[in-house]
Amino acid sequence: MPTIRIRVYRDTSVLTFSYITAVVAKHPRHEQRVFVPHPPKGQEAPAKMNRTKEETMAAKAAHQLLGHAVVGTNDLATAANFYDKLFALFGVGRILEQPGRAVYFGTTGLEFGVINPFNGEGATIGNGNMVAFSARSRAHVDEVHALALKLGGADEGKPGPRGPNEDGPYCAYFRDLDGNKLLVFRAGADEAQG
């Protein structure tokens, strides 16, 4: 069963890196694609961020940083319906429902949730916040973006390659019905169809 991989992007001075982007760069020693975080302006990336693919895979096996991501809503039923349809393109469905409070999606565990804020106040969007979904192919990016707009989402960046050349990550940006910013991307070659 396919999985959905989520990356959370946010601005904050507490984090060592304020933005972690899905930019793909070639590693000089092994000519393999690895994800390279970008440090804030004026800061150097630490040496540990310049890892080989094998080192990166070993680090991922040792610890998964992100447990799940959550966005707020002011209309849980409508938001859950939007994500039901969107995540169907990923083969992902509801995994936990808290009536009147939250709906969580995933394959075998919580991966993404849409919730009414716990404090009872209205949900608001965060300036600089974004959740990214990893697509199986460039065509999948196009399909997800088109469906999001058809469901009432707002376009924040049409599908296309990002970076200095056509081999860069292929991305599309949109906002959900509550204004939460989302990215769907494919970095590297398309997954094999099976």
N, C-alpha and C. Protein backbone atom coordinates (compact mmCIF):
# COMPACT_ATOMS: atom_id res chain seq x y z
N MET A 1 0.84 -1.18 0.00
CA MET A 1 0.00 0.00 0.00
C MET A 1 0.89 1.24 0.00
N PRO A 2 0.59 2.25 -0.83
CA PRO A 2 1.43 3.45 -0.87
C PRO A 2 1.35 4.23 0.43
N THR A 3 2.40 4.93 0.73
CA THR A 3 2.40 5.77 1.92
C THR A 3 2.48 7.23 1.51
N ILE A 4 2.08 8.10 2.40
CA ILE A 4 2.19 9.53 2.15
C ILE A 4 3.27 10.05 3.07
N ARG A 5 4.22 10.77 2.51
CA ARG A 5 5.31 11.32 3.30
C ARG A 5 5.07 12.81 3.46
N ILE A 6 5.17 13.29 4.67
CA ILE A 6 4.84 14.68 4.95
C ILE A 6 6.07 15.40 5.48
N ARG A 7 6.29 16.61 4.98
CA ARG A 7 7.34 17.47 5.50
C ARG A 7 6.67 18.76 5.95
N VAL A 8 6.98 19.25 7.15
CA VAL A 8 6.41 20.47 7.66
C VAL A 8 7.42 21.59 7.49
N TYR A 9 6.97 22.71 6.98
CA TYR A 9 7.81 23.87 6.75
C TYR A 9 7.31 25.00 7.64
N ARG A 10 8.20 25.68 8.35
CA ARG A 10 7.77 26.80 9.16
C ARG A 10 8.92 27.74 9.47
N ASP A 11 8.56 28.98 9.73
CA ASP A 11 9.54 29.99 10.13
C ASP A 11 9.55 30.05 11.65
N THR A 12 10.69 29.95 12.26
CA THR A 12 10.80 30.15 13.70
C THR A 12 12.27 30.29 14.05
N SER A 13 12.56 31.17 14.97
CA SER A 13 13.95 31.38 15.35
C SER A 13 14.46 30.29 16.28
N VAL A 14 13.55 29.45 16.79
CA VAL A 14 13.95 28.37 17.71
C VAL A 14 14.67 27.25 16.96
N LEU A 15 14.26 27.00 15.71
CA LEU A 15 14.86 25.91 14.95
C LEU A 15 16.21 26.33 14.39
N THR A 16 17.13 25.38 14.29
CA THR A 16 18.43 25.64 13.68
C THR A 16 18.25 26.08 12.23
N PHE A 17 17.35 25.44 11.51
CA PHE A 17 17.06 25.80 10.13
C PHE A 17 15.61 26.26 10.05
N SER A 18 15.40 27.50 9.60
CA SER A 18 14.05 28.02 9.56
C SER A 18 13.23 27.43 8.42
N TYR A 19 13.87 27.09 7.32
CA TYR A 19 13.16 26.42 6.23
C TYR A 19 13.90 25.13 5.89
N ILE A 20 13.17 24.07 5.76
CA ILE A 20 13.73 22.84 5.22
C ILE A 20 13.00 22.64 3.91
N THR A 21 13.69 22.74 2.82
CA THR A 21 13.04 22.67 1.52
C THR A 21 13.26 21.33 0.86
N ALA A 22 12.42 21.03 -0.07
CA ALA A 22 12.52 19.77 -0.80
C ALA A 22 13.38 19.95 -2.03
N VAL A 23 14.49 20.65 -1.86
CA VAL A 23 15.41 20.87 -2.96
C VAL A 23 16.32 19.65 -3.06
N VAL A 24 16.50 19.16 -4.22
CA VAL A 24 17.34 17.99 -4.42
C VAL A 24 18.66 18.45 -5.03
N ALA A 25 19.74 17.98 -4.44
CA ALA A 25 21.07 18.34 -4.95
C ALA A 25 21.88 17.06 -5.14
N LYS A 26 22.83 17.08 -6.06
CA LYS A 26 23.69 15.91 -6.26
C LYS A 26 24.83 15.96 -5.25
N HIS A 27 25.06 14.83 -4.61
CA HIS A 27 26.14 14.74 -3.66
C HIS A 27 27.44 14.60 -4.45
N PRO A 28 28.48 15.40 -4.15
CA PRO A 28 29.69 15.41 -4.97
C PRO A 28 30.46 14.09 -4.99
N ARG A 29 30.40 13.30 -3.91
CA ARG A 29 31.20 12.07 -3.88
C ARG A 29 30.52 10.90 -4.54
N HIS A 30 29.21 10.79 -4.43
CA HIS A 30 28.52 9.60 -4.89
C HIS A 30 27.56 9.85 -6.04
N GLU A 31 27.43 11.09 -6.46
CA GLU A 31 26.53 11.43 -7.55
C GLU A 31 25.13 10.85 -7.34
N GLN A 32 24.67 10.82 -6.07
CA GLN A 32 23.32 10.37 -5.77
C GLN A 32 22.53 11.52 -5.21
N ARG A 33 21.24 11.47 -5.40
CA ARG A 33 20.40 12.58 -4.95
C ARG A 33 20.12 12.44 -3.45
N VAL A 34 20.32 13.53 -2.74
CA VAL A 34 20.02 13.58 -1.30
C VAL A 34 19.30 14.88 -1.02
N PHE A 35 18.49 14.92 0.04
CA PHE A 35 17.83 16.15 0.44
C PHE A 35 18.81 17.00 1.23
N VAL A 36 18.88 18.26 0.89
CA VAL A 36 19.82 19.17 1.54
C VAL A 36 19.04 20.32 2.17
N PRO A 37 19.02 20.43 3.51
CA PRO A 37 18.33 21.56 4.14
C PRO A 37 19.08 22.86 3.85
N HIS A 38 18.33 23.93 3.74
CA HIS A 38 18.92 25.25 3.52
C HIS A 38 18.91 26.02 4.82
N PRO A 39 20.05 26.51 5.30
CA PRO A 39 20.08 27.29 6.53
C PRO A 39 19.54 28.69 6.29
N PRO A 40 19.17 29.40 7.36
CA PRO A 40 18.74 30.79 7.20
C PRO A 40 19.87 31.63 6.60
N LYS A 41 19.49 32.76 6.03
CA LYS A 41 20.48 33.65 5.43
C LYS A 41 21.56 33.99 6.44
N GLY A 42 22.81 33.93 6.01
CA GLY A 42 23.93 34.30 6.86
C GLY A 42 24.47 33.17 7.72
N GLN A 43 23.85 31.97 7.68
CA GLN A 43 24.33 30.84 8.47
C GLN A 43 24.86 29.75 7.55
N GLU A 44 25.87 29.04 8.02
CA GLU A 44 26.45 27.92 7.27
C GLU A 44 25.75 26.63 7.68
N ALA A 45 25.60 25.72 6.75
CA ALA A 45 25.05 24.41 7.09
C ALA A 45 26.10 23.59 7.82
N PRO A 46 25.73 22.90 8.92
CA PRO A 46 26.71 22.07 9.61
C PRO A 46 27.14 20.90 8.73
N ALA A 47 28.33 20.38 9.00
CA ALA A 47 28.90 19.30 8.19
C ALA A 47 28.00 18.06 8.19
N LYS A 48 27.28 17.79 9.28
CA LYS A 48 26.45 16.59 9.34
C LYS A 48 25.30 16.61 8.34
N MET A 49 24.97 17.79 7.78
CA MET A 49 23.91 17.87 6.81
C MET A 49 24.38 17.47 5.41
N ASN A 50 25.67 17.30 5.20
CA ASN A 50 26.22 16.92 3.92
C ASN A 50 26.52 15.42 3.95
N ARG A 51 25.46 14.60 3.99
CA ARG A 51 25.60 13.16 4.14
C ARG A 51 25.46 12.42 2.81
N THR A 52 26.02 11.22 2.77
CA THR A 52 25.80 10.35 1.62
C THR A 52 24.39 9.78 1.72
N LYS A 53 23.91 9.17 0.64
CA LYS A 53 22.59 8.54 0.66
C LYS A 53 22.53 7.45 1.73
N GLU A 54 23.59 6.66 1.85
CA GLU A 54 23.61 5.58 2.84
C GLU A 54 23.54 6.13 4.26
N GLU A 55 24.28 7.22 4.53
CA GLU A 55 24.24 7.85 5.85
C GLU A 55 22.85 8.41 6.14
N THR A 56 22.23 8.98 5.13
CA THR A 56 20.89 9.53 5.30
C THR A 56 19.89 8.42 5.60
N MET A 57 19.97 7.31 4.87
CA MET A 57 19.06 6.18 5.09
C MET A 57 19.25 5.59 6.48
N ALA A 58 20.50 5.48 6.93
CA ALA A 58 20.77 4.95 8.27
C ALA A 58 20.19 5.87 9.33
N ALA A 59 20.31 7.18 9.13
CA ALA A 59 19.76 8.14 10.09
C ALA A 59 18.24 8.04 10.12
N LYS A 60 17.60 7.86 8.95
CA LYS A 60 16.15 7.73 8.91
C LYS A 60 15.70 6.46 9.63
N ALA A 61 16.46 5.37 9.49
CA ALA A 61 16.10 4.13 10.15
C ALA A 61 16.22 4.26 11.66
N ALA A 62 17.15 5.09 12.12
CA ALA A 62 17.37 5.24 13.55
C ALA A 62 16.28 6.09 14.21
N HIS A 63 15.79 7.10 13.51
CA HIS A 63 14.81 7.99 14.11
C HIS A 63 14.01 8.72 13.04
N GLN A 64 12.70 8.70 13.19
CA GLN A 64 11.84 9.46 12.29
C GLN A 64 11.42 10.72 13.04
N LEU A 65 11.82 11.87 12.54
CA LEU A 65 11.56 13.14 13.21
C LEU A 65 10.08 13.47 13.29
N LEU A 66 9.38 13.38 12.19
CA LEU A 66 7.99 13.80 12.15
C LEU A 66 7.06 12.65 12.47
N GLY A 67 6.23 12.85 13.50
CA GLY A 67 5.22 11.86 13.84
C GLY A 67 3.98 12.03 12.98
N HIS A 68 3.42 13.23 12.99
CA HIS A 68 2.32 13.59 12.11
C HIS A 68 2.18 15.10 12.08
N ALA A 69 1.47 15.60 11.09
CA ALA A 69 1.23 17.03 10.95
C ALA A 69 -0.27 17.28 11.10
N VAL A 70 -0.61 18.47 11.59
CA VAL A 70 -2.01 18.82 11.83
C VAL A 70 -2.25 20.23 11.32
N VAL A 71 -3.41 20.45 10.70
CA VAL A 71 -3.85 21.79 10.34
C VAL A 71 -5.20 22.03 11.00
N GLY A 72 -5.49 23.30 11.27
CA GLY A 72 -6.75 23.66 11.90
C GLY A 72 -7.83 23.95 10.88
N THR A 73 -9.08 23.83 11.34
CA THR A 73 -10.23 24.12 10.49
C THR A 73 -11.32 24.78 11.32
N ASN A 74 -12.20 25.49 10.62
CA ASN A 74 -13.38 26.06 11.24
C ASN A 74 -14.65 25.33 10.81
N ASP A 75 -14.50 24.30 9.97
CA ASP A 75 -15.61 23.46 9.52
C ASP A 75 -15.07 22.05 9.32
N LEU A 76 -15.10 21.26 10.39
CA LEU A 76 -14.48 19.94 10.37
C LEU A 76 -15.07 19.02 9.31
N ALA A 77 -16.36 18.99 9.17
CA ALA A 77 -16.98 18.07 8.20
C ALA A 77 -16.56 18.42 6.77
N THR A 78 -16.57 19.70 6.43
CA THR A 78 -16.19 20.12 5.08
C THR A 78 -14.70 19.87 4.83
N ALA A 79 -13.87 20.19 5.82
CA ALA A 79 -12.42 19.97 5.68
C ALA A 79 -12.11 18.48 5.55
N ALA A 80 -12.76 17.65 6.36
CA ALA A 80 -12.52 16.20 6.29
C ALA A 80 -12.93 15.65 4.93
N ASN A 81 -14.03 16.15 4.37
CA ASN A 81 -14.46 15.73 3.04
C ASN A 81 -13.43 16.13 1.98
N PHE A 82 -12.86 17.34 2.08
CA PHE A 82 -11.82 17.81 1.16
C PHE A 82 -10.62 16.86 1.21
N TYR A 83 -10.15 16.53 2.42
CA TYR A 83 -8.98 15.66 2.55
C TYR A 83 -9.30 14.20 2.22
N ASP A 84 -10.54 13.74 2.47
CA ASP A 84 -10.93 12.39 2.02
C ASP A 84 -10.68 12.24 0.53
N LYS A 85 -11.15 13.20 -0.24
CA LYS A 85 -11.03 13.14 -1.70
C LYS A 85 -9.59 13.33 -2.16
N LEU A 86 -8.89 14.27 -1.52
CA LEU A 86 -7.50 14.53 -1.90
C LEU A 86 -6.62 13.32 -1.60
N PHE A 87 -6.73 12.76 -0.40
CA PHE A 87 -5.88 11.64 0.00
C PHE A 87 -6.25 10.33 -0.69
N ALA A 88 -7.44 10.24 -1.26
CA ALA A 88 -7.80 9.04 -2.03
C ALA A 88 -6.82 8.88 -3.20
N LEU A 89 -6.30 10.00 -3.72
CA LEU A 89 -5.31 9.93 -4.80
C LEU A 89 -3.98 9.32 -4.34
N PHE A 90 -3.76 9.29 -3.03
CA PHE A 90 -2.55 8.71 -2.45
C PHE A 90 -2.80 7.30 -1.91
N GLY A 91 -4.05 6.85 -1.93
CA GLY A 91 -4.39 5.56 -1.33
C GLY A 91 -4.40 5.64 0.18
N VAL A 92 -4.65 6.82 0.72
CA VAL A 92 -4.64 7.06 2.17
C VAL A 92 -6.05 7.43 2.60
N GLY A 93 -6.48 6.89 3.75
CA GLY A 93 -7.81 7.18 4.25
C GLY A 93 -7.80 7.56 5.71
N ARG A 94 -9.00 7.73 6.24
CA ARG A 94 -9.15 8.06 7.66
C ARG A 94 -8.65 6.90 8.51
N ILE A 95 -7.96 7.27 9.58
CA ILE A 95 -7.44 6.24 10.47
C ILE A 95 -7.94 6.44 11.90
N LEU A 96 -8.36 7.67 12.22
CA LEU A 96 -8.88 7.97 13.56
C LEU A 96 -9.81 9.17 13.45
N GLU A 97 -10.99 9.05 14.08
CA GLU A 97 -11.93 10.16 14.11
C GLU A 97 -12.29 10.46 15.56
N GLN A 98 -12.24 11.72 15.90
CA GLN A 98 -12.69 12.20 17.20
C GLN A 98 -13.86 13.12 16.90
N PRO A 99 -15.09 12.63 17.03
CA PRO A 99 -16.27 13.40 16.61
C PRO A 99 -16.28 14.83 17.17
N GLY A 100 -16.49 15.77 16.24
CA GLY A 100 -16.54 17.17 16.61
C GLY A 100 -15.19 17.79 16.94
N ARG A 101 -14.12 16.99 16.90
CA ARG A 101 -12.80 17.47 17.31
C ARG A 101 -11.75 17.34 16.21
N ALA A 102 -11.60 16.13 15.65
CA ALA A 102 -10.49 15.89 14.72
C ALA A 102 -10.74 14.68 13.84
N VAL A 103 -10.10 14.70 12.67
CA VAL A 103 -10.05 13.54 11.77
C VAL A 103 -8.60 13.38 11.37
N TYR A 104 -8.06 12.17 11.55
CA TYR A 104 -6.68 11.88 11.20
C TYR A 104 -6.64 10.89 10.05
N PHE A 105 -5.63 11.06 9.20
CA PHE A 105 -5.46 10.23 8.02
C PHE A 105 -4.11 9.54 8.08
N GLY A 106 -4.01 8.37 7.43
CA GLY A 106 -2.74 7.65 7.37
C GLY A 106 -2.94 6.29 6.75
N THR A 107 -1.86 5.53 6.72
CA THR A 107 -1.94 4.16 6.20
C THR A 107 -1.95 3.18 7.36
N THR A 108 -0.94 3.21 8.20
CA THR A 108 -0.88 2.32 9.36
C THR A 108 -0.80 3.09 10.67
N GLY A 109 -0.63 4.38 10.59
CA GLY A 109 -0.53 5.24 11.78
C GLY A 109 -0.93 6.65 11.41
N LEU A 110 -1.02 7.51 12.41
CA LEU A 110 -1.37 8.90 12.17
C LEU A 110 -0.29 9.56 11.33
N GLU A 111 -0.69 10.20 10.23
CA GLU A 111 0.26 10.92 9.39
C GLU A 111 -0.14 12.37 9.20
N PHE A 112 -1.45 12.63 9.16
CA PHE A 112 -1.94 13.98 8.95
C PHE A 112 -3.31 14.11 9.61
N GLY A 113 -3.56 15.26 10.21
CA GLY A 113 -4.85 15.48 10.85
C GLY A 113 -5.39 16.85 10.54
N VAL A 114 -6.71 16.96 10.57
CA VAL A 114 -7.40 18.23 10.48
C VAL A 114 -8.26 18.34 11.73
N ILE A 115 -8.14 19.47 12.45
CA ILE A 115 -8.76 19.56 13.76
C ILE A 115 -9.44 20.91 13.99
N ASN A 116 -10.41 20.89 14.91
CA ASN A 116 -10.92 22.12 15.47
C ASN A 116 -9.94 22.50 16.58
N PRO A 117 -9.51 23.76 16.66
CA PRO A 117 -8.54 24.13 17.70
C PRO A 117 -9.03 23.76 19.10
N PHE A 118 -8.11 23.22 19.90
CA PHE A 118 -8.42 22.75 21.25
C PHE A 118 -8.93 23.87 22.15
N ASN A 119 -8.42 25.10 21.95
CA ASN A 119 -8.80 26.20 22.83
C ASN A 119 -10.19 26.77 22.51
N GLY A 120 -10.86 26.23 21.50
CA GLY A 120 -12.20 26.67 21.17
C GLY A 120 -12.27 27.93 20.32
N GLU A 121 -11.15 28.56 20.07
CA GLU A 121 -11.13 29.75 19.23
C GLU A 121 -11.08 29.33 17.76
N GLY A 122 -11.30 30.29 16.87
CA GLY A 122 -11.28 30.01 15.45
C GLY A 122 -9.90 29.60 14.97
N ALA A 123 -9.87 28.70 13.99
CA ALA A 123 -8.60 28.29 13.38
C ALA A 123 -8.09 29.42 12.50
N THR A 124 -6.79 29.67 12.55
CA THR A 124 -6.15 30.66 11.69
C THR A 124 -4.95 30.01 11.00
N ILE A 125 -4.55 30.58 9.88
CA ILE A 125 -3.40 30.04 9.17
C ILE A 125 -2.13 30.69 9.69
N GLY A 126 -1.04 29.99 9.61
CA GLY A 126 0.25 30.50 10.06
C GLY A 126 1.03 31.08 8.89
N ASN A 127 1.55 32.27 9.05
CA ASN A 127 2.37 32.89 8.02
C ASN A 127 3.72 32.19 7.99
N GLY A 128 4.03 31.50 6.91
CA GLY A 128 5.27 30.74 6.80
C GLY A 128 5.08 29.25 7.05
N ASN A 129 3.90 28.82 7.48
CA ASN A 129 3.64 27.40 7.69
C ASN A 129 3.22 26.74 6.39
N MET A 130 3.66 25.49 6.19
CA MET A 130 3.27 24.74 5.01
C MET A 130 3.48 23.26 5.30
N VAL A 131 2.60 22.43 4.78
CA VAL A 131 2.75 20.98 4.86
C VAL A 131 2.95 20.47 3.44
N ALA A 132 3.91 19.56 3.25
CA ALA A 132 4.23 19.04 1.92
C ALA A 132 3.91 17.56 1.83
N PHE A 133 3.33 17.16 0.72
CA PHE A 133 2.98 15.77 0.45
C PHE A 133 3.83 15.26 -0.71
N SER A 134 4.45 14.09 -0.53
CA SER A 134 5.32 13.50 -1.54
C SER A 134 4.49 12.67 -2.51
N ALA A 135 4.54 13.04 -3.78
CA ALA A 135 3.79 12.36 -4.83
C ALA A 135 4.61 11.23 -5.45
N ARG A 136 3.92 10.30 -6.13
CA ARG A 136 4.58 9.17 -6.78
C ARG A 136 5.25 9.55 -8.10
N SER A 137 4.75 10.62 -8.73
CA SER A 137 5.25 11.01 -10.05
C SER A 137 4.89 12.46 -10.32
N ARG A 138 5.45 13.00 -11.38
CA ARG A 138 5.09 14.36 -11.79
C ARG A 138 3.62 14.42 -12.19
N ALA A 139 3.14 13.39 -12.86
CA ALA A 139 1.72 13.34 -13.24
C ALA A 139 0.84 13.32 -11.99
N HIS A 140 1.29 12.66 -10.95
CA HIS A 140 0.55 12.61 -9.69
C HIS A 140 0.48 14.02 -9.07
N VAL A 141 1.58 14.78 -9.15
CA VAL A 141 1.58 16.17 -8.67
C VAL A 141 0.49 16.95 -9.41
N ASP A 142 0.46 16.83 -10.74
CA ASP A 142 -0.54 17.53 -11.55
C ASP A 142 -1.95 17.14 -11.13
N GLU A 143 -2.17 15.84 -10.93
CA GLU A 143 -3.49 15.32 -10.57
C GLU A 143 -3.96 15.84 -9.21
N VAL A 144 -3.07 15.81 -8.22
CA VAL A 144 -3.42 16.28 -6.87
C VAL A 144 -3.74 17.77 -6.90
N HIS A 145 -2.90 18.55 -7.56
CA HIS A 145 -3.11 20.01 -7.64
C HIS A 145 -4.44 20.32 -8.32
N ALA A 146 -4.73 19.65 -9.43
CA ALA A 146 -5.99 19.88 -10.16
C ALA A 146 -7.20 19.54 -9.30
N LEU A 147 -7.13 18.43 -8.57
CA LEU A 147 -8.26 18.04 -7.71
C LEU A 147 -8.44 19.04 -6.57
N ALA A 148 -7.34 19.48 -5.96
CA ALA A 148 -7.44 20.45 -4.87
C ALA A 148 -8.17 21.71 -5.34
N LEU A 149 -7.85 22.19 -6.54
CA LEU A 149 -8.51 23.39 -7.08
C LEU A 149 -9.98 23.09 -7.40
N LYS A 150 -10.26 21.91 -7.94
CA LYS A 150 -11.63 21.52 -8.26
C LYS A 150 -12.49 21.46 -7.00
N LEU A 151 -11.88 21.06 -5.88
CA LEU A 151 -12.59 20.95 -4.60
C LEU A 151 -12.75 22.30 -3.90
N GLY A 152 -12.21 23.36 -4.49
CA GLY A 152 -12.36 24.69 -3.90
C GLY A 152 -11.11 25.27 -3.30
N GLY A 153 -9.99 24.55 -3.40
CA GLY A 153 -8.72 25.07 -2.92
C GLY A 153 -8.24 26.21 -3.80
N ALA A 154 -7.30 27.00 -3.29
CA ALA A 154 -6.76 28.15 -4.03
C ALA A 154 -5.36 27.84 -4.54
N ASP A 155 -5.11 28.22 -5.79
CA ASP A 155 -3.80 28.00 -6.40
C ASP A 155 -2.76 28.93 -5.77
N GLU A 156 -1.61 28.36 -5.38
CA GLU A 156 -0.49 29.13 -4.83
C GLU A 156 0.77 28.93 -5.65
N GLY A 157 0.70 28.19 -6.73
CA GLY A 157 1.85 27.93 -7.59
C GLY A 157 1.57 26.73 -8.47
N LYS A 158 1.43 26.97 -9.74
CA LYS A 158 1.09 25.90 -10.69
C LYS A 158 2.18 24.83 -10.73
N PRO A 159 1.81 23.60 -11.11
CA PRO A 159 2.80 22.52 -11.19
C PRO A 159 3.93 22.85 -12.17
N GLY A 160 5.14 22.49 -11.76
CA GLY A 160 6.29 22.68 -12.63
C GLY A 160 7.57 22.43 -11.87
N PRO A 161 8.69 22.31 -12.61
CA PRO A 161 9.98 22.10 -11.96
C PRO A 161 10.40 23.35 -11.20
N ARG A 162 11.07 23.16 -10.09
CA ARG A 162 11.61 24.28 -9.31
C ARG A 162 13.12 24.11 -9.27
N GLY A 163 13.80 25.20 -9.26
CA GLY A 163 15.25 25.14 -9.23
C GLY A 163 15.84 25.55 -10.56
N PRO A 164 17.15 25.42 -10.67
CA PRO A 164 17.85 25.95 -11.85
C PRO A 164 17.68 25.13 -13.13
N ASN A 165 17.14 23.91 -13.05
CA ASN A 165 17.01 23.11 -14.27
C ASN A 165 15.78 22.22 -14.21
N GLU A 166 15.47 21.57 -15.29
CA GLU A 166 14.28 20.71 -15.42
C GLU A 166 14.35 19.46 -14.52
N ASP A 167 15.55 19.11 -14.03
CA ASP A 167 15.70 17.92 -13.19
C ASP A 167 15.42 18.20 -11.72
N GLY A 168 15.15 19.45 -11.36
CA GLY A 168 14.86 19.80 -9.97
C GLY A 168 13.54 19.21 -9.52
N PRO A 169 13.19 19.41 -8.26
CA PRO A 169 11.92 18.88 -7.78
C PRO A 169 10.75 19.50 -8.56
N TYR A 170 9.74 18.71 -8.77
CA TYR A 170 8.54 19.14 -9.48
C TYR A 170 7.48 19.41 -8.43
N CYS A 171 7.00 20.64 -8.35
CA CYS A 171 6.16 21.07 -7.23
C CYS A 171 4.90 21.78 -7.69
N ALA A 172 3.89 21.74 -6.83
CA ALA A 172 2.67 22.54 -7.00
C ALA A 172 2.21 22.95 -5.61
N TYR A 173 1.74 24.18 -5.50
CA TYR A 173 1.33 24.73 -4.21
C TYR A 173 -0.15 25.11 -4.27
N PHE A 174 -0.86 24.90 -3.16
CA PHE A 174 -2.27 25.30 -3.08
C PHE A 174 -2.64 25.48 -1.61
N ARG A 175 -3.79 26.09 -1.41
CA ARG A 175 -4.34 26.26 -0.06
C ARG A 175 -5.63 25.45 0.04
N ASP A 176 -5.86 24.89 1.23
CA ASP A 176 -7.10 24.15 1.45
C ASP A 176 -8.23 25.14 1.69
N LEU A 177 -9.40 24.66 2.06
CA LEU A 177 -10.58 25.50 2.21
C LEU A 177 -10.46 26.48 3.38
N ASP A 178 -9.57 26.20 4.33
CA ASP A 178 -9.34 27.09 5.47
C ASP A 178 -8.15 28.01 5.25
N GLY A 179 -7.47 27.88 4.11
CA GLY A 179 -6.33 28.74 3.82
C GLY A 179 -4.99 28.16 4.22
N ASN A 180 -4.95 26.92 4.71
CA ASN A 180 -3.68 26.28 5.06
C ASN A 180 -2.89 26.00 3.79
N LYS A 181 -1.61 26.39 3.78
CA LYS A 181 -0.79 26.21 2.58
C LYS A 181 -0.23 24.80 2.52
N LEU A 182 -0.35 24.20 1.33
CA LEU A 182 0.09 22.83 1.10
C LEU A 182 0.94 22.76 -0.16
N LEU A 183 1.84 21.82 -0.17
CA LEU A 183 2.72 21.55 -1.31
C LEU A 183 2.61 20.08 -1.65
N VAL A 184 2.54 19.77 -2.93
CA VAL A 184 2.68 18.40 -3.38
C VAL A 184 3.88 18.41 -4.32
N PHE A 185 4.79 17.43 -4.13
CA PHE A 185 6.03 17.45 -4.91
C PHE A 185 6.50 16.05 -5.25
N ARG A 186 7.32 15.99 -6.28
CA ARG A 186 8.05 14.78 -6.63
C ARG A 186 9.49 15.16 -6.82
N ALA A 187 10.36 14.60 -6.01
CA ALA A 187 11.80 14.82 -6.12
C ALA A 187 12.41 13.54 -6.66
N GLY A 188 13.13 13.64 -7.75
CA GLY A 188 13.75 12.45 -8.34
C GLY A 188 12.84 11.78 -9.34
N ALA A 189 13.24 10.59 -9.75
CA ALA A 189 12.51 9.85 -10.77
C ALA A 189 11.15 9.40 -10.25
N ASP A 190 10.20 9.20 -11.16
CA ASP A 190 8.89 8.70 -10.79
C ASP A 190 9.01 7.29 -10.20
N GLU A 191 8.12 6.95 -9.26
CA GLU A 191 8.10 5.59 -8.72
C GLU A 191 7.66 4.63 -9.82
N ALA A 192 8.15 3.41 -9.74
CA ALA A 192 7.77 2.38 -10.71
C ALA A 192 6.29 2.04 -10.50
N GLN A 193 5.57 1.89 -11.60
CA GLN A 193 4.15 1.50 -11.52
C GLN A 193 4.07 0.00 -11.31
N GLY A 194 3.21 -0.41 -10.39
CA GLY A 194 3.14 -1.84 -10.14
C GLY A 194 1.82 -2.34 -9.76
